[in-house]
Amino acid sequence: MTLMLSTNEIIFGGGIIKKTPKLEDYIVTQELGDNSETVSCLALDRDSKLHS
């Protein structure tokens, strides 16, 4: 099961920010840019054909 959320902002504060390593290592943008949905659909289609 996969859960995806879309948020406008994530606020870290207090002690958690001191325990978290560089946030840049965790919060990144997608590498495929605006094409991510199309590429994902094509990959799922290919995968479904390989396993059918």
C-alpha atoms as a PDB file:
ATOM      1  CA  MET A   1       0.000   0.000   0.000  1.00  0.00           C
ATOM      2  CA  THR A   2       1.270   3.447  -0.873  1.00  0.00           C
ATOM      3  CA  LEU A   3       0.133   6.688   0.681  1.00  0.00           C
ATOM      4  CA  MET A   4       0.924   9.983  -0.968  1.00  0.00           C
ATOM      5  CA  LEU A   5       0.241  13.379   0.521  1.00  0.00           C
ATOM      6  CA  SER A   6       0.405  16.806  -1.003  1.00  0.00           C
ATOM      7  CA  THR A   7       1.119  19.581   1.449  1.00  0.00           C
ATOM      8  CA  ASN A   8       1.870  23.248   1.058  1.00  0.00           C
ATOM      9  CA  GLU A   9       4.442  23.324   3.815  1.00  0.00           C
ATOM     10  CA  ILE A  10       6.006  21.195   6.514  1.00  0.00           C
ATOM     11  CA  ILE A  11       7.038  22.965   9.707  1.00  0.00           C
ATOM     12  CA  PHE A  12       9.760  21.463  11.892  1.00  0.00           C
ATOM     13  CA  GLY A  13      10.542  23.048  15.212  1.00  0.00           C
ATOM     14  CA  GLY A  14      11.703  22.433  18.736  1.00  0.00           C
ATOM     15  CA  GLY A  15      13.841  19.385  19.444  1.00  0.00           C
ATOM     16  CA  ILE A  16      13.050  17.575  16.188  1.00  0.00           C
ATOM     17  CA  ILE A  17      14.982  20.079  14.119  1.00  0.00           C
ATOM     18  CA  LYS A  18      18.079  19.449  16.252  1.00  0.00           C
ATOM     19  CA  LYS A  19      17.809  15.674  15.752  1.00  0.00           C
ATOM     20  CA  THR A  20      17.233  15.815  11.991  1.00  0.00           C
ATOM     21  CA  PRO A  21      20.270  15.724   9.720  1.00  0.00           C
ATOM     22  CA  LYS A  22      20.333  18.028   6.725  1.00  0.00           C
ATOM     23  CA  LEU A  23      16.743  18.400   5.519  1.00  0.00           C
ATOM     24  CA  GLU A  24      18.009  18.736   1.937  1.00  0.00           C
ATOM     25  CA  ASP A  25      18.783  15.006   2.075  1.00  0.00           C
ATOM     26  CA  TYR A  26      15.119  14.197   2.762  1.00  0.00           C
ATOM     27  CA  ILE A  27      13.095  16.871   1.012  1.00  0.00           C
ATOM     28  CA  VAL A  28      13.887  16.860  -2.689  1.00  0.00           C
ATOM     29  CA  THR A  29      12.101  17.611  -5.930  1.00  0.00           C
ATOM     30  CA  GLN A  30      11.320  14.922  -8.466  1.00  0.00           C
ATOM     31  CA  GLU A  31      14.019  14.315 -11.033  1.00  0.00           C
ATOM     32  CA  LEU A  32      11.608  13.974 -13.950  1.00  0.00           C
ATOM     33  CA  GLY A  33      10.056  17.394 -13.480  1.00  0.00           C
ATOM     34  CA  ASP A  34       6.739  17.880 -15.275  1.00  0.00           C
ATOM     35  CA  ASN A  35       7.074  14.519 -17.053  1.00  0.00           C
ATOM     36  CA  SER A  36       6.907  12.373 -13.906  1.00  0.00           C
ATOM     37  CA  GLU A  37       3.225  11.440 -14.319  1.00  0.00           C
ATOM     38  CA  THR A  38       3.643  10.385 -17.950  1.00  0.00           C
ATOM     39  CA  VAL A  39       6.793   8.368 -17.303  1.00  0.00           C
ATOM     40  CA  SER A  40       5.192   6.675 -14.285  1.00  0.00           C
ATOM     41  CA  CYS A  41       2.142   5.657 -16.314  1.00  0.00           C
ATOM     42  CA  LEU A  42       4.309   4.249 -19.089  1.00  0.00           C
ATOM     43  CA  ALA A  43       6.428   2.326 -16.570  1.00  0.00           C
ATOM     44  CA  LEU A  44       3.329   0.849 -14.904  1.00  0.00           C
ATOM     45  CA  ASP A  45       1.933  -0.166 -18.288  1.00  0.00           C
ATOM     46  CA  ARG A  46       5.204  -1.835 -19.272  1.00  0.00           C
ATOM     47  CA  ASP A  47       5.430  -3.593 -15.910  1.00  0.00           C
ATOM     48  CA  SER A  48       1.861  -4.901 -16.166  1.00  0.00           C
ATOM     49  CA  LYS A  49       2.583  -6.346 -19.632  1.00  0.00           C
ATOM     50  CA  LEU A  50       5.751  -8.047 -18.401  1.00  0.00           C
ATOM     51  CA  HIS A  51       3.911  -9.730 -15.510  1.00  0.00           C
ATOM     52  CA  SER A  52       0.749 -10.774 -17.337  1.00  0.00           C
END
